[in-house]
Amino acid sequence: MDEFGLRLKLARVYMGMSQTEMAEYLGVSLKMIYRWESGERDPPNTLRVREIAEKLQVPFEWLCGLGPTFSWEK
């Protein structure tokens, strides 16, 4: 699992969402959520990652694996 996928999953779990709910929330397919989280598919382009970060209310840098961890990550 790559850093984007791991952090996307952490944000989803923290928000108490299933993969289906996350897909609906982000406006993507369930299969895409699975592929991102598993690392089977590369993260979307930078603009889309920024949109996802904003929607999930997490810093863009964090979602990309560049920022510090949140207290709930442990």
PDB file of N, CA and C in Angstrom:
ATOM      1  N   MET A   1       0.855  -1.177   0.000  1.00  0.00           N
ATOM      2  CA  MET A   1       0.000   0.000   0.000  1.00  0.00           C
ATOM      3  C   MET A   1       0.896   1.234   0.000  1.00  0.00           C
ATOM      4  N   ASP A   2       0.644   2.154  -0.893  1.00  0.00           N
ATOM      5  CA  ASP A   2       1.446   3.367  -0.929  1.00  0.00           C
ATOM      6  C   ASP A   2       0.940   4.367   0.117  1.00  0.00           C
ATOM      7  N   GLU A   3       1.682   5.435   0.279  1.00  0.00           N
ATOM      8  CA  GLU A   3       1.354   6.411   1.325  1.00  0.00           C
ATOM      9  C   GLU A   3      -0.003   7.073   1.098  1.00  0.00           C
ATOM     10  N   PHE A   4      -0.318   7.434  -0.161  1.00  0.00           N
ATOM     11  CA  PHE A   4      -1.625   8.025  -0.452  1.00  0.00           C
ATOM     12  C   PHE A   4      -2.741   7.055  -0.066  1.00  0.00           C
ATOM     13  N   GLY A   5      -2.602   5.804  -0.492  1.00  0.00           N
ATOM     14  CA  GLY A   5      -3.625   4.808  -0.199  1.00  0.00           C
ATOM     15  C   GLY A   5      -3.809   4.579   1.291  1.00  0.00           C
ATOM     16  N   LEU A   6      -2.698   4.490   1.992  1.00  0.00           N
ATOM     17  CA  LEU A   6      -2.745   4.292   3.440  1.00  0.00           C
ATOM     18  C   LEU A   6      -3.457   5.458   4.121  1.00  0.00           C
ATOM     19  N   ARG A   7      -3.078   6.671   3.745  1.00  0.00           N
ATOM     20  CA  ARG A   7      -3.667   7.845   4.393  1.00  0.00           C
ATOM     21  C   ARG A   7      -5.113   8.067   3.983  1.00  0.00           C
ATOM     22  N   LEU A   8      -5.461   7.708   2.757  1.00  0.00           N
ATOM     23  CA  LEU A   8      -6.862   7.783   2.345  1.00  0.00           C
ATOM     24  C   LEU A   8      -7.691   6.834   3.211  1.00  0.00           C
ATOM     25  N   LYS A   9      -7.177   5.637   3.415  1.00  0.00           N
ATOM     26  CA  LYS A   9      -7.879   4.659   4.247  1.00  0.00           C
ATOM     27  C   LYS A   9      -7.972   5.138   5.692  1.00  0.00           C
ATOM     28  N   LEU A  10      -6.882   5.708   6.226  1.00  0.00           N
ATOM     29  CA  LEU A  10      -6.914   6.235   7.596  1.00  0.00           C
ATOM     30  C   LEU A  10      -7.981   7.310   7.738  1.00  0.00           C
ATOM     31  N   ALA A  11      -8.050   8.222   6.778  1.00  0.00           N
ATOM     32  CA  ALA A  11      -9.055   9.292   6.828  1.00  0.00           C
ATOM     33  C   ALA A  11     -10.463   8.700   6.754  1.00  0.00           C
ATOM     34  N   ARG A  12     -10.636   7.704   5.880  1.00  0.00           N
ATOM     35  CA  ARG A  12     -11.955   7.068   5.738  1.00  0.00           C
ATOM     36  C   ARG A  12     -12.379   6.397   7.033  1.00  0.00           C
ATOM     37  N   VAL A  13     -11.489   5.623   7.618  1.00  0.00           N
ATOM     38  CA  VAL A  13     -11.799   4.920   8.866  1.00  0.00           C
ATOM     39  C   VAL A  13     -12.073   5.918   9.987  1.00  0.00           C
ATOM     40  N   TYR A  14     -11.251   6.960  10.056  1.00  0.00           N
ATOM     41  CA  TYR A  14     -11.455   7.987  11.085  1.00  0.00           C
ATOM     42  C   TYR A  14     -12.833   8.632  10.956  1.00  0.00           C
ATOM     43  N   MET A  15     -13.283   8.827   9.704  1.00  0.00           N
ATOM     44  CA  MET A  15     -14.591   9.431   9.465  1.00  0.00           C
ATOM     45  C   MET A  15     -15.730   8.425   9.637  1.00  0.00           C
ATOM     46  N   GLY A  16     -15.384   7.155   9.891  1.00  0.00           N
ATOM     47  CA  GLY A  16     -16.401   6.129  10.091  1.00  0.00           C
ATOM     48  C   GLY A  16     -17.143   5.753   8.825  1.00  0.00           C
ATOM     49  N   MET A  17     -16.448   5.800   7.693  1.00  0.00           N
ATOM     50  CA  MET A  17     -17.079   5.511   6.403  1.00  0.00           C
ATOM     51  C   MET A  17     -16.621   4.174   5.845  1.00  0.00           C
ATOM     52  N   SER A  18     -17.522   3.525   5.167  1.00  0.00           N
ATOM     53  CA  SER A  18     -17.167   2.329   4.410  1.00  0.00           C
ATOM     54  C   SER A  18     -16.540   2.790   3.087  1.00  0.00           C
ATOM     55  N   GLN A  19     -15.967   1.863   2.348  1.00  0.00           N
ATOM     56  CA  GLN A  19     -15.428   2.224   1.037  1.00  0.00           C
ATOM     57  C   GLN A  19     -16.546   2.727   0.122  1.00  0.00           C
ATOM     58  N   THR A  20     -17.712   2.130   0.225  1.00  0.00           N
ATOM     59  CA  THR A  20     -18.856   2.559  -0.590  1.00  0.00           C
ATOM     60  C   THR A  20     -19.250   3.991  -0.252  1.00  0.00           C
ATOM     61  N   GLU A  21     -19.341   4.294   1.030  1.00  0.00           N
ATOM     62  CA  GLU A  21     -19.687   5.648   1.452  1.00  0.00           C
ATOM     63  C   GLU A  21     -18.628   6.655   1.008  1.00  0.00           C
ATOM     64  N   MET A  22     -17.362   6.266   1.111  1.00  0.00           N
ATOM     65  CA  MET A  22     -16.282   7.154   0.688  1.00  0.00           C
ATOM     66  C   MET A  22     -16.366   7.416  -0.815  1.00  0.00           C
ATOM     67  N   ALA A  23     -16.636   6.380  -1.583  1.00  0.00           N
ATOM     68  CA  ALA A  23     -16.755   6.538  -3.035  1.00  0.00           C
ATOM     69  C   ALA A  23     -17.877   7.525  -3.379  1.00  0.00           C
ATOM     70  N   GLU A  24     -19.003   7.368  -2.726  1.00  0.00           N
ATOM     71  CA  GLU A  24     -20.127   8.284  -2.968  1.00  0.00           C
ATOM     72  C   GLU A  24     -19.767   9.703  -2.544  1.00  0.00           C
ATOM     73  N   TYR A  25     -19.119   9.832  -1.406  1.00  0.00           N
ATOM     74  CA  TYR A  25     -18.732  11.135  -0.858  1.00  0.00           C
ATOM     75  C   TYR A  25     -17.771  11.866  -1.795  1.00  0.00           C
ATOM     76  N   LEU A  26     -16.836  11.108  -2.404  1.00  0.00           N
ATOM     77  CA  LEU A  26     -15.843  11.707  -3.295  1.00  0.00           C
ATOM     78  C   LEU A  26     -16.288  11.742  -4.751  1.00  0.00           C
ATOM     79  N   GLY A  27     -17.383  11.050  -5.056  1.00  0.00           N
ATOM     80  CA  GLY A  27     -17.880  11.039  -6.426  1.00  0.00           C
ATOM     81  C   GLY A  27     -17.045  10.182  -7.369  1.00  0.00           C
ATOM     82  N   VAL A  28     -16.545   9.065  -6.842  1.00  0.00           N
ATOM     83  CA  VAL A  28     -15.781   8.118  -7.656  1.00  0.00           C
ATOM     84  C   VAL A  28     -16.383   6.728  -7.463  1.00  0.00           C
ATOM     85  N   SER A  29     -15.909   5.772  -8.242  1.00  0.00           N
ATOM     86  CA  SER A  29     -16.429   4.412  -8.111  1.00  0.00           C
ATOM     87  C   SER A  29     -15.844   3.719  -6.881  1.00  0.00           C
ATOM     88  N   LEU A  30     -16.564   2.727  -6.400  1.00  0.00           N
ATOM     89  CA  LEU A  30     -16.090   1.902  -5.293  1.00  0.00           C
ATOM     90  C   LEU A  30     -14.776   1.223  -5.683  1.00  0.00           C
ATOM     91  N   LYS A  31     -14.704   0.762  -6.913  1.00  0.00           N
ATOM     92  CA  LYS A  31     -13.496   0.105  -7.407  1.00  0.00           C
ATOM     93  C   LYS A  31     -12.287   1.040  -7.330  1.00  0.00           C
ATOM     94  N   MET A  32     -12.496   2.327  -7.609  1.00  0.00           N
ATOM     95  CA  MET A  32     -11.392   3.285  -7.555  1.00  0.00           C
ATOM     96  C   MET A  32     -10.891   3.460  -6.118  1.00  0.00           C
ATOM     97  N   ILE A  33     -11.809   3.524  -5.159  1.00  0.00           N
ATOM     98  CA  ILE A  33     -11.396   3.631  -3.758  1.00  0.00           C
ATOM     99  C   ILE A  33     -10.552   2.415  -3.381  1.00  0.00           C
ATOM    100  N   TYR A  34     -11.035   1.235  -3.739  1.00  0.00           N
ATOM    101  CA  TYR A  34     -10.289   0.005  -3.451  1.00  0.00           C
ATOM    102  C   TYR A  34      -8.896   0.059  -4.078  1.00  0.00           C
ATOM    103  N   ARG A  35      -8.830   0.462  -5.338  1.00  0.00           N
ATOM    104  CA  ARG A  35      -7.547   0.491  -6.049  1.00  0.00           C
ATOM    105  C   ARG A  35      -6.589   1.516  -5.449  1.00  0.00           C
ATOM    106  N   TRP A  36      -7.101   2.676  -5.065  1.00  0.00           N
ATOM    107  CA  TRP A  36      -6.245   3.679  -4.436  1.00  0.00           C
ATOM    108  C   TRP A  36      -5.725   3.168  -3.099  1.00  0.00           C
ATOM    109  N   GLU A  37      -6.629   2.640  -2.275  1.00  0.00           N
ATOM    110  CA  GLU A  37      -6.229   2.191  -0.934  1.00  0.00           C
ATOM    111  C   GLU A  37      -5.257   1.024  -0.986  1.00  0.00           C
ATOM    112  N   SER A  38      -5.411   0.146  -1.944  1.00  0.00           N
ATOM    113  CA  SER A  38      -4.544  -1.028  -2.040  1.00  0.00           C
ATOM    114  C   SER A  38      -3.223  -0.728  -2.742  1.00  0.00           C
ATOM    115  N   GLY A  39      -3.126   0.439  -3.361  1.00  0.00           N
ATOM    116  CA  GLY A  39      -1.922   0.775  -4.107  1.00  0.00           C
ATOM    117  C   GLY A  39      -1.909   0.195  -5.505  1.00  0.00           C
ATOM    118  N   GLU A  40      -3.024  -0.436  -5.890  1.00  0.00           N
ATOM    119  CA  GLU A  40      -3.145  -1.019  -7.220  1.00  0.00           C
ATOM    120  C   GLU A  40      -3.178   0.071  -8.288  1.00  0.00           C
ATOM    121  N   ARG A  41      -3.646   1.231  -7.898  1.00  0.00           N
ATOM    122  CA  ARG A  41      -3.755   2.367  -8.820  1.00  0.00           C
ATOM    123  C   ARG A  41      -3.037   3.565  -8.222  1.00  0.00           C
ATOM    124  N   ASP A  42      -2.298   4.285  -9.050  1.00  0.00           N
ATOM    125  CA  ASP A  42      -1.617   5.492  -8.588  1.00  0.00           C
ATOM    126  C   ASP A  42      -2.629   6.532  -8.139  1.00  0.00           C
ATOM    127  N   PRO A  43      -2.213   7.429  -7.248  1.00  0.00           N
ATOM    128  CA  PRO A  43      -3.110   8.510  -6.843  1.00  0.00           C
ATOM    129  C   PRO A  43      -3.531   9.321  -8.063  1.00  0.00           C
ATOM    130  N   PRO A  44      -4.658   9.996  -7.963  1.00  0.00           N
ATOM    131  CA  PRO A  44      -5.086  10.837  -9.083  1.00  0.00           C
ATOM    132  C   PRO A  44      -4.145  12.032  -9.240  1.00  0.00           C
ATOM    133  N   ASN A  45      -4.422  12.863 -10.229  1.00  0.00           N
ATOM    134  CA  ASN A  45      -3.568  14.028 -10.446  1.00  0.00           C
ATOM    135  C   ASN A  45      -3.638  14.988  -9.257  1.00  0.00           C
ATOM    136  N   THR A  46      -2.704  15.888  -9.219  1.00  0.00           N
ATOM    137  CA  THR A  46      -2.560  16.805  -8.090  1.00  0.00           C
ATOM    138  C   THR A  46      -3.829  17.587  -7.796  1.00  0.00           C
ATOM    139  N   LEU A  47      -4.490  18.071  -8.835  1.00  0.00           N
ATOM    140  CA  LEU A  47      -5.727  18.828  -8.618  1.00  0.00           C
ATOM    141  C   LEU A  47      -6.779  17.979  -7.925  1.00  0.00           C
ATOM    142  N   ARG A  48      -6.914  16.746  -8.368  1.00  0.00           N
ATOM    143  CA  ARG A  48      -7.919  15.853  -7.776  1.00  0.00           C
ATOM    144  C   ARG A  48      -7.546  15.509  -6.340  1.00  0.00           C
ATOM    145  N   VAL A  49      -6.260  15.294  -6.073  1.00  0.00           N
ATOM    146  CA  VAL A  49      -5.828  14.998  -4.702  1.00  0.00           C
ATOM    147  C   VAL A  49      -6.129  16.205  -3.807  1.00  0.00           C
ATOM    148  N   ARG A  50      -5.929  17.410  -4.330  1.00  0.00           N
ATOM    149  CA  ARG A  50      -6.261  18.613  -3.549  1.00  0.00           C
ATOM    150  C   ARG A  50      -7.753  18.664  -3.231  1.00  0.00           C
ATOM    151  N   GLU A  51      -8.586  18.329  -4.204  1.00  0.00           N
ATOM    152  CA  GLU A  51     -10.039  18.300  -3.988  1.00  0.00           C
ATOM    153  C   GLU A  51     -10.399  17.267  -2.918  1.00  0.00           C
ATOM    154  N   ILE A  52      -9.785  16.093  -3.005  1.00  0.00           N
ATOM    155  CA  ILE A  52     -10.054  15.027  -2.033  1.00  0.00           C
ATOM    156  C   ILE A  52      -9.629  15.472  -0.639  1.00  0.00           C
ATOM    157  N   ALA A  53      -8.448  16.063  -0.537  1.00  0.00           N
ATOM    158  CA  ALA A  53      -7.944  16.534   0.764  1.00  0.00           C
ATOM    159  C   ALA A  53      -8.891  17.571   1.356  1.00  0.00           C
ATOM    160  N   GLU A  54      -9.351  18.487   0.515  1.00  0.00           N
ATOM    161  CA  GLU A  54     -10.273  19.521   0.997  1.00  0.00           C
ATOM    162  C   GLU A  54     -11.579  18.900   1.476  1.00  0.00           C
ATOM    163  N   LYS A  55     -12.085  17.971   0.707  1.00  0.00           N
ATOM    164  CA  LYS A  55     -13.349  17.326   1.075  1.00  0.00           C
ATOM    165  C   LYS A  55     -13.209  16.521   2.371  1.00  0.00           C
ATOM    166  N   LEU A  56     -12.052  15.883   2.561  1.00  0.00           N
ATOM    167  CA  LEU A  56     -11.818  15.088   3.769  1.00  0.00           C
ATOM    168  C   LEU A  56     -11.328  15.938   4.938  1.00  0.00           C
ATOM    169  N   GLN A  57     -11.072  17.214   4.665  1.00  0.00           N
ATOM    170  CA  GLN A  57     -10.605  18.161   5.681  1.00  0.00           C
ATOM    171  C   GLN A  57      -9.275  17.725   6.291  1.00  0.00           C
ATOM    172  N   VAL A  58      -8.374  17.312   5.398  1.00  0.00           N
ATOM    173  CA  VAL A  58      -7.004  16.978   5.806  1.00  0.00           C
ATOM    174  C   VAL A  58      -6.061  17.788   4.923  1.00  0.00           C
ATOM    175  N   PRO A  59      -4.856  18.091   5.405  1.00  0.00           N
ATOM    176  CA  PRO A  59      -3.911  18.826   4.575  1.00  0.00           C
ATOM    177  C   PRO A  59      -3.497  18.020   3.338  1.00  0.00           C
ATOM    178  N   PHE A  60      -3.359  18.697   2.226  1.00  0.00           N
ATOM    179  CA  PHE A  60      -2.921  18.077   0.980  1.00  0.00           C
ATOM    180  C   PHE A  60      -1.590  17.347   1.176  1.00  0.00           C
ATOM    181  N   GLU A  61      -0.656  18.013   1.850  1.00  0.00           N
ATOM    182  CA  GLU A  61       0.668  17.434   2.069  1.00  0.00           C
ATOM    183  C   GLU A  61       0.567  16.131   2.857  1.00  0.00           C
ATOM    184  N   TRP A  62      -0.297  16.121   3.855  1.00  0.00           N
ATOM    185  CA  TRP A  62      -0.480  14.907   4.657  1.00  0.00           C
ATOM    186  C   TRP A  62      -1.009  13.773   3.797  1.00  0.00           C
ATOM    187  N   LEU A  63      -2.028  14.068   2.987  1.00  0.00           N
ATOM    188  CA  LEU A  63      -2.632  13.031   2.156  1.00  0.00           C
ATOM    189  C   LEU A  63      -1.613  12.447   1.180  1.00  0.00           C
ATOM    190  N   CYS A  64      -0.666  13.264   0.748  1.00  0.00           N
ATOM    191  CA  CYS A  64       0.394  12.805  -0.163  1.00  0.00           C
ATOM    192  C   CYS A  64       1.536  12.113   0.561  1.00  0.00           C
ATOM    193  N   GLY A  65       1.478  12.075   1.883  1.00  0.00           N
ATOM    194  CA  GLY A  65       2.532  11.412   2.652  1.00  0.00           C
ATOM    195  C   GLY A  65       3.685  12.318   3.006  1.00  0.00           C
ATOM    196  N   LEU A  66       3.489  13.629   2.866  1.00  0.00           N
ATOM    197  CA  LEU A  66       4.577  14.567   3.102  1.00  0.00           C
ATOM    198  C   LEU A  66       4.486  15.277   4.441  1.00  0.00           C
ATOM    199  N   GLY A  67       3.317  15.321   5.017  1.00  0.00           N
ATOM    200  CA  GLY A  67       3.137  16.086   6.249  1.00  0.00           C
ATOM    201  C   GLY A  67       3.259  15.232   7.485  1.00  0.00           C
ATOM    202  N   PRO A  68       3.233  15.895   8.628  1.00  0.00           N
ATOM    203  CA  PRO A  68       3.301  15.174   9.897  1.00  0.00           C
ATOM    204  C   PRO A  68       2.030  14.342  10.113  1.00  0.00           C
ATOM    205  N   THR A  69       2.116  13.424  11.028  1.00  0.00           N
ATOM    206  CA  THR A  69       0.964  12.579  11.325  1.00  0.00           C
ATOM    207  C   THR A  69      -0.008  13.295  12.236  1.00  0.00           C
ATOM    208  N   PHE A  70      -1.233  12.856  12.217  1.00  0.00           N
ATOM    209  CA  PHE A  70      -2.258  13.354  13.115  1.00  0.00           C
ATOM    210  C   PHE A  70      -2.269  12.466  14.345  1.00  0.00           C
ATOM    211  N   SER A  71      -2.789  12.968  15.454  1.00  0.00           N
ATOM    212  CA  SER A  71      -2.835  12.180  16.683  1.00  0.00           C
ATOM    213  C   SER A  71      -3.679  10.922  16.515  1.00  0.00           C
ATOM    214  N   TRP A  72      -4.694  10.964  15.641  1.00  0.00           N
ATOM    215  CA  TRP A  72      -5.569   9.798  15.471  1.00  0.00           C
ATOM    216  C   TRP A  72      -4.966   8.734  14.574  1.00  0.00           C
ATOM    217  N   GLU A  73      -3.788   8.963  14.015  1.00  0.00           N
ATOM    218  CA  GLU A  73      -3.151   7.968  13.163  1.00  0.00           C
ATOM    219  C   GLU A  73      -2.560   6.799  13.926  1.00  0.00           C
ATOM    220  N   LYS A  74      -2.351   6.966  15.203  1.00  0.00           N
ATOM    221  CA  LYS A  74      -1.655   5.941  15.972  1.00  0.00           C
ATOM    222  C   LYS A  74      -2.509   4.755  16.291  1.00  0.00           C
TER     223      LYS A  74
END
